[in-house]
Amino acid sequence: MKVSVDLQRCKGYAACMIIAPSIFDVSEETNKVILLNANPGEEARSMVEEAIRGCPVKAISRVADDEK
């Protein structure tokens, strides 16, 4: 699974960082999401999906599943 963050919508609420700290962080300089692991793989799918649901500004989206 590949993950995308719309930085125009991201307001640095950090819900994603709290839900999935191994995948998301928030830049102190820009107050925007940083992807620590842009391709988190199958084992992180539930965390990413929860982060998508938990983002108050809907800035996170799943882009595509990996090719097998």
PDB file of N, CA and C in Angstrom:
ATOM      1  N   MET A   1       0.848  -1.177   0.000  1.00  0.00           N
ATOM      2  CA  MET A   1       0.000   0.000   0.000  1.00  0.00           C
ATOM      3  C   MET A   1       0.892   1.237   0.000  1.00  0.00           C
ATOM      4  N   LYS A   2       0.567   2.177  -0.859  1.00  0.00           N
ATOM      5  CA  LYS A   2       1.262   3.452  -0.865  1.00  0.00           C
ATOM      6  C   LYS A   2       0.320   4.509  -0.319  1.00  0.00           C
ATOM      7  N   VAL A   3       0.862   5.461   0.407  1.00  0.00           N
ATOM      8  CA  VAL A   3       0.070   6.452   1.112  1.00  0.00           C
ATOM      9  C   VAL A   3       0.411   7.834   0.577  1.00  0.00           C
ATOM     10  N   SER A   4      -0.593   8.702   0.511  1.00  0.00           N
ATOM     11  CA  SER A   4      -0.371  10.071   0.055  1.00  0.00           C
ATOM     12  C   SER A   4      -0.977  11.037   1.060  1.00  0.00           C
ATOM     13  N   VAL A   5      -0.318  12.188   1.205  1.00  0.00           N
ATOM     14  CA  VAL A   5      -0.841  13.248   2.064  1.00  0.00           C
ATOM     15  C   VAL A   5      -0.991  14.505   1.221  1.00  0.00           C
ATOM     16  N   ASP A   6      -2.175  15.087   1.258  1.00  0.00           N
ATOM     17  CA  ASP A   6      -2.422  16.340   0.563  1.00  0.00           C
ATOM     18  C   ASP A   6      -1.953  17.474   1.482  1.00  0.00           C
ATOM     19  N   LEU A   7      -0.777  18.005   1.196  1.00  0.00           N
ATOM     20  CA  LEU A   7      -0.197  19.018   2.079  1.00  0.00           C
ATOM     21  C   LEU A   7      -0.954  20.340   2.045  1.00  0.00           C
ATOM     22  N   GLN A   8      -1.760  20.555   1.012  1.00  0.00           N
ATOM     23  CA  GLN A   8      -2.604  21.755   0.975  1.00  0.00           C
ATOM     24  C   GLN A   8      -3.698  21.677   2.045  1.00  0.00           C
ATOM     25  N   ARG A   9      -4.156  20.457   2.324  1.00  0.00           N
ATOM     26  CA  ARG A   9      -5.229  20.279   3.316  1.00  0.00           C
ATOM     27  C   ARG A   9      -4.683  20.054   4.719  1.00  0.00           C
ATOM     28  N   CYS A  10      -3.475  19.529   4.815  1.00  0.00           N
ATOM     29  CA  CYS A  10      -2.907  19.169   6.118  1.00  0.00           C
ATOM     30  C   CYS A  10      -2.723  20.411   6.984  1.00  0.00           C
ATOM     31  N   LYS A  11      -3.227  20.347   8.186  1.00  0.00           N
ATOM     32  CA  LYS A  11      -3.108  21.464   9.122  1.00  0.00           C
ATOM     33  C   LYS A  11      -2.288  21.093  10.347  1.00  0.00           C
ATOM     34  N   GLY A  12      -1.615  19.935  10.302  1.00  0.00           N
ATOM     35  CA  GLY A  12      -0.759  19.540  11.405  1.00  0.00           C
ATOM     36  C   GLY A  12      -1.487  19.159  12.674  1.00  0.00           C
ATOM     37  N   TYR A  13      -2.692  18.602  12.555  1.00  0.00           N
ATOM     38  CA  TYR A  13      -3.432  18.189  13.752  1.00  0.00           C
ATOM     39  C   TYR A  13      -2.776  17.017  14.467  1.00  0.00           C
ATOM     40  N   ALA A  14      -1.958  16.264  13.747  1.00  0.00           N
ATOM     41  CA  ALA A  14      -1.155  15.177  14.312  1.00  0.00           C
ATOM     42  C   ALA A  14      -1.946  13.943  14.721  1.00  0.00           C
ATOM     43  N   ALA A  15      -3.218  13.847  14.323  1.00  0.00           N
ATOM     44  CA  ALA A  15      -3.969  12.631  14.621  1.00  0.00           C
ATOM     45  C   ALA A  15      -3.293  11.432  13.974  1.00  0.00           C
ATOM     46  N   CYS A  16      -2.777  11.619  12.764  1.00  0.00           N
ATOM     47  CA  CYS A  16      -2.111  10.514  12.069  1.00  0.00           C
ATOM     48  C   CYS A  16      -0.870  10.059  12.816  1.00  0.00           C
ATOM     49  N   MET A  17      -0.108  11.001  13.364  1.00  0.00           N
ATOM     50  CA  MET A  17       1.114  10.676  14.097  1.00  0.00           C
ATOM     51  C   MET A  17       0.783   9.887  15.362  1.00  0.00           C
ATOM     52  N   ILE A  18      -0.311  10.229  16.010  1.00  0.00           N
ATOM     53  CA  ILE A  18      -0.719   9.527  17.233  1.00  0.00           C
ATOM     54  C   ILE A  18      -1.179   8.111  16.896  1.00  0.00           C
ATOM     55  N   ILE A  19      -1.917   7.964  15.793  1.00  0.00           N
ATOM     56  CA  ILE A  19      -2.456   6.666  15.400  1.00  0.00           C
ATOM     57  C   ILE A  19      -1.387   5.748  14.835  1.00  0.00           C
ATOM     58  N   ALA A  20      -0.504   6.296  14.010  1.00  0.00           N
ATOM     59  CA  ALA A  20       0.499   5.480  13.316  1.00  0.00           C
ATOM     60  C   ALA A  20       1.867   6.158  13.373  1.00  0.00           C
ATOM     61  N   PRO A  21       2.502   6.183  14.547  1.00  0.00           N
ATOM     62  CA  PRO A  21       3.761   6.914  14.695  1.00  0.00           C
ATOM     63  C   PRO A  21       4.930   6.332  13.911  1.00  0.00           C
ATOM     64  N   SER A  22       4.838   5.091  13.479  1.00  0.00           N
ATOM     65  CA  SER A  22       5.921   4.515  12.675  1.00  0.00           C
ATOM     66  C   SER A  22       5.806   4.905  11.207  1.00  0.00           C
ATOM     67  N   ILE A  23       4.680   5.515  10.833  1.00  0.00           N
ATOM     68  CA  ILE A  23       4.433   5.873   9.435  1.00  0.00           C
ATOM     69  C   ILE A  23       4.381   7.388   9.242  1.00  0.00           C
ATOM     70  N   PHE A  24       3.785   8.102  10.194  1.00  0.00           N
ATOM     71  CA  PHE A  24       3.576   9.540  10.049  1.00  0.00           C
ATOM     72  C   PHE A  24       4.276  10.318  11.149  1.00  0.00           C
ATOM     73  N   ASP A  25       4.702  11.529  10.827  1.00  0.00           N
ATOM     74  CA  ASP A  25       5.195  12.494  11.800  1.00  0.00           C
ATOM     75  C   ASP A  25       4.740  13.858  11.307  1.00  0.00           C
ATOM     76  N   VAL A  26       4.931  14.879  12.111  1.00  0.00           N
ATOM     77  CA  VAL A  26       4.582  16.235  11.709  1.00  0.00           C
ATOM     78  C   VAL A  26       5.830  17.091  11.797  1.00  0.00           C
ATOM     79  N   SER A  27       6.136  17.808  10.736  1.00  0.00           N
ATOM     80  CA  SER A  27       7.296  18.690  10.700  1.00  0.00           C
ATOM     81  C   SER A  27       7.076  19.871  11.633  1.00  0.00           C
ATOM     82  N   GLU A  28       8.029  20.128  12.502  1.00  0.00           N
ATOM     83  CA  GLU A  28       7.919  21.284  13.390  1.00  0.00           C
ATOM     84  C   GLU A  28       8.062  22.579  12.603  1.00  0.00           C
ATOM     85  N   GLU A  29       8.798  22.537  11.504  1.00  0.00           N
ATOM     86  CA  GLU A  29       9.031  23.742  10.703  1.00  0.00           C
ATOM     87  C   GLU A  29       7.813  24.132   9.877  1.00  0.00           C
ATOM     88  N   THR A  30       7.168  23.135   9.255  1.00  0.00           N
ATOM     89  CA  THR A  30       6.076  23.448   8.329  1.00  0.00           C
ATOM     90  C   THR A  30       4.693  23.129   8.873  1.00  0.00           C
ATOM     91  N   ASN A  31       4.635  22.400   9.990  1.00  0.00           N
ATOM     92  CA  ASN A  31       3.362  21.955  10.566  1.00  0.00           C
ATOM     93  C   ASN A  31       2.568  21.112   9.566  1.00  0.00           C
ATOM     94  N   LYS A  32       3.279  20.337   8.749  1.00  0.00           N
ATOM     95  CA  LYS A  32       2.674  19.443   7.768  1.00  0.00           C
ATOM     96  C   LYS A  32       3.150  18.026   8.038  1.00  0.00           C
ATOM     97  N   VAL A  33       2.388  17.063   7.560  1.00  0.00           N
ATOM     98  CA  VAL A  33       2.737  15.661   7.761  1.00  0.00           C
ATOM     99  C   VAL A  33       4.000  15.288   6.986  1.00  0.00           C
ATOM    100  N   ILE A  34       4.809  14.484   7.625  1.00  0.00           N
ATOM    101  CA  ILE A  34       5.966  13.867   6.987  1.00  0.00           C
ATOM    102  C   ILE A  34       5.696  12.365   6.963  1.00  0.00           C
ATOM    103  N   LEU A  35       5.867  11.739   5.823  1.00  0.00           N
ATOM    104  CA  LEU A  35       5.750  10.287   5.751  1.00  0.00           C
ATOM    105  C   LEU A  35       7.093   9.688   6.130  1.00  0.00           C
ATOM    106  N   LEU A  36       7.129   8.981   7.236  1.00  0.00           N
ATOM    107  CA  LEU A  36       8.354   8.304   7.644  1.00  0.00           C
ATOM    108  C   LEU A  36       8.535   7.019   6.844  1.00  0.00           C
ATOM    109  N   ASN A  37       7.424   6.399   6.480  1.00  0.00           N
ATOM    110  CA  ASN A  37       7.451   5.155   5.721  1.00  0.00           C
ATOM    111  C   ASN A  37       6.376   5.275   4.650  1.00  0.00           C
ATOM    112  N   ALA A  38       6.772   5.740   3.483  1.00  0.00           N
ATOM    113  CA  ALA A  38       5.801   6.038   2.434  1.00  0.00           C
ATOM    114  C   ALA A  38       5.167   4.794   1.825  1.00  0.00           C
ATOM    115  N   ASN A  39       5.740   3.644   2.064  1.00  0.00           N
ATOM    116  CA  ASN A  39       5.185   2.394   1.549  1.00  0.00           C
ATOM    117  C   ASN A  39       5.171   1.396   2.707  1.00  0.00           C
ATOM    118  N   PRO A  40       4.213   1.548   3.626  1.00  0.00           N
ATOM    119  CA  PRO A  40       4.261   0.795   4.876  1.00  0.00           C
ATOM    120  C   PRO A  40       3.992  -0.697   4.776  1.00  0.00           C
ATOM    121  N   GLY A  41       3.405  -1.141   3.671  1.00  0.00           N
ATOM    122  CA  GLY A  41       3.191  -2.573   3.510  1.00  0.00           C
ATOM    123  C   GLY A  41       1.950  -3.088   4.209  1.00  0.00           C
ATOM    124  N   GLU A  42       1.694  -4.356   3.997  1.00  0.00           N
ATOM    125  CA  GLU A  42       0.466  -5.000   4.473  1.00  0.00           C
ATOM    126  C   GLU A  42       0.317  -4.943   5.990  1.00  0.00           C
ATOM    127  N   GLU A  43       1.408  -5.093   6.731  1.00  0.00           N
ATOM    128  CA  GLU A  43       1.303  -5.169   8.190  1.00  0.00           C
ATOM    129  C   GLU A  43       0.817  -3.859   8.813  1.00  0.00           C
ATOM    130  N   ALA A  44       0.957  -2.735   8.103  1.00  0.00           N
ATOM    131  CA  ALA A  44       0.538  -1.446   8.646  1.00  0.00           C
ATOM    132  C   ALA A  44      -0.800  -0.968   8.088  1.00  0.00           C
ATOM    133  N   ARG A  45      -1.445  -1.802   7.271  1.00  0.00           N
ATOM    134  CA  ARG A  45      -2.685  -1.389   6.606  1.00  0.00           C
ATOM    135  C   ARG A  45      -3.736  -0.872   7.592  1.00  0.00           C
ATOM    136  N   SER A  46      -3.962  -1.569   8.677  1.00  0.00           N
ATOM    137  CA  SER A  46      -5.011  -1.148   9.615  1.00  0.00           C
ATOM    138  C   SER A  46      -4.674   0.192  10.260  1.00  0.00           C
ATOM    139  N   MET A  47      -3.395   0.420  10.576  1.00  0.00           N
ATOM    140  CA  MET A  47      -3.000   1.711  11.150  1.00  0.00           C
ATOM    141  C   MET A  47      -3.221   2.848  10.160  1.00  0.00           C
ATOM    142  N   VAL A  48      -2.857   2.613   8.886  1.00  0.00           N
ATOM    143  CA  VAL A  48      -3.037   3.648   7.867  1.00  0.00           C
ATOM    144  C   VAL A  48      -4.522   3.921   7.661  1.00  0.00           C
ATOM    145  N   GLU A  49      -5.332   2.882   7.594  1.00  0.00           N
ATOM    146  CA  GLU A  49      -6.770   3.081   7.408  1.00  0.00           C
ATOM    147  C   GLU A  49      -7.384   3.829   8.585  1.00  0.00           C
ATOM    148  N   GLU A  50      -6.916   3.545   9.790  1.00  0.00           N
ATOM    149  CA  GLU A  50      -7.401   4.278  10.965  1.00  0.00           C
ATOM    150  C   GLU A  50      -6.947   5.735  10.902  1.00  0.00           C
ATOM    151  N   ALA A  51      -5.722   5.974  10.441  1.00  0.00           N
ATOM    152  CA  ALA A  51      -5.230   7.348  10.299  1.00  0.00           C
ATOM    153  C   ALA A  51      -6.042   8.105   9.257  1.00  0.00           C
ATOM    154  N   ILE A  52      -6.416   7.442   8.170  1.00  0.00           N
ATOM    155  CA  ILE A  52      -7.257   8.064   7.148  1.00  0.00           C
ATOM    156  C   ILE A  52      -8.587   8.488   7.769  1.00  0.00           C
ATOM    157  N   ARG A  53      -9.197   7.587   8.537  1.00  0.00           N
ATOM    158  CA  ARG A  53     -10.474   7.909   9.192  1.00  0.00           C
ATOM    159  C   ARG A  53     -10.313   8.987  10.257  1.00  0.00           C
ATOM    160  N   GLY A  54      -9.145   9.004  10.923  1.00  0.00           N
ATOM    161  CA  GLY A  54      -8.933   9.923  12.037  1.00  0.00           C
ATOM    162  C   GLY A  54      -8.460  11.311  11.646  1.00  0.00           C
ATOM    163  N   CYS A  55      -8.098  11.510  10.384  1.00  0.00           N
ATOM    164  CA  CYS A  55      -7.614  12.823   9.949  1.00  0.00           C
ATOM    165  C   CYS A  55      -8.791  13.795   9.863  1.00  0.00           C
ATOM    166  N   PRO A  56      -8.813  14.845  10.679  1.00  0.00           N
ATOM    167  CA  PRO A  56      -9.973  15.732  10.701  1.00  0.00           C
ATOM    168  C   PRO A  56     -10.140  16.561   9.426  1.00  0.00           C
ATOM    169  N   VAL A  57      -9.074  16.715   8.645  1.00  0.00           N
ATOM    170  CA  VAL A  57      -9.174  17.504   7.411  1.00  0.00           C
ATOM    171  C   VAL A  57      -9.086  16.637   6.162  1.00  0.00           C
ATOM    172  N   LYS A  58      -9.116  15.316   6.363  1.00  0.00           N
ATOM    173  CA  LYS A  58      -9.115  14.347   5.257  1.00  0.00           C
ATOM    174  C   LYS A  58      -7.944  14.578   4.290  1.00  0.00           C
ATOM    175  N   ALA A  59      -6.744  14.768   4.865  1.00  0.00           N
ATOM    176  CA  ALA A  59      -5.555  15.029   4.052  1.00  0.00           C
ATOM    177  C   ALA A  59      -4.828  13.755   3.633  1.00  0.00           C
ATOM    178  N   ILE A  60      -5.166  12.622   4.246  1.00  0.00           N
ATOM    179  CA  ILE A  60      -4.455  11.367   3.974  1.00  0.00           C
ATOM    180  C   ILE A  60      -5.305  10.486   3.079  1.00  0.00           C
ATOM    181  N   SER A  61      -4.648   9.843   2.122  1.00  0.00           N
ATOM    182  CA  SER A  61      -5.361   8.894   1.292  1.00  0.00           C
ATOM    183  C   SER A  61      -4.446   7.728   0.930  1.00  0.00           C
ATOM    184  N   ARG A  62      -5.056   6.613   0.711  1.00  0.00           N
ATOM    185  CA  ARG A  62      -4.312   5.458   0.228  1.00  0.00           C
ATOM    186  C   ARG A  62      -4.254   5.607  -1.292  1.00  0.00           C
ATOM    187  N   VAL A  63      -3.081   5.571  -1.858  1.00  0.00           N
ATOM    188  CA  VAL A  63      -2.947   5.800  -3.295  1.00  0.00           C
ATOM    189  C   VAL A  63      -3.183   4.523  -4.079  1.00  0.00           C
ATOM    190  N   ALA A  64      -2.462   3.479  -3.739  1.00  0.00           N
ATOM    191  CA  ALA A  64      -2.584   2.240  -4.510  1.00  0.00           C
ATOM    192  C   ALA A  64      -1.999   1.091  -3.716  1.00  0.00           C
ATOM    193  N   ASP A  65      -2.513  -0.099  -3.993  1.00  0.00           N
ATOM    194  CA  ASP A  65      -1.907  -1.297  -3.424  1.00  0.00           C
ATOM    195  C   ASP A  65      -0.652  -1.624  -4.210  1.00  0.00           C
ATOM    196  N   ASP A  66       0.291  -2.247  -3.527  1.00  0.00           N
ATOM    197  CA  ASP A  66       1.530  -2.664  -4.201  1.00  0.00           C
ATOM    198  C   ASP A  66       1.228  -3.734  -5.234  1.00  0.00           C
ATOM    199  N   GLU A  67       2.032  -3.750  -6.265  1.00  0.00           N
ATOM    200  CA  GLU A  67       1.960  -4.826  -7.246  1.00  0.00           C
ATOM    201  C   GLU A  67       2.577  -6.060  -6.623  1.00  0.00           C
ATOM    202  N   LYS A  68       1.962  -7.200  -6.862  1.00  0.00           N
ATOM    203  CA  LYS A  68       2.502  -8.456  -6.294  1.00  0.00           C
ATOM    204  C   LYS A  68       3.205  -9.228  -7.357  1.00  0.00           C
TER     205      LYS A  68
END
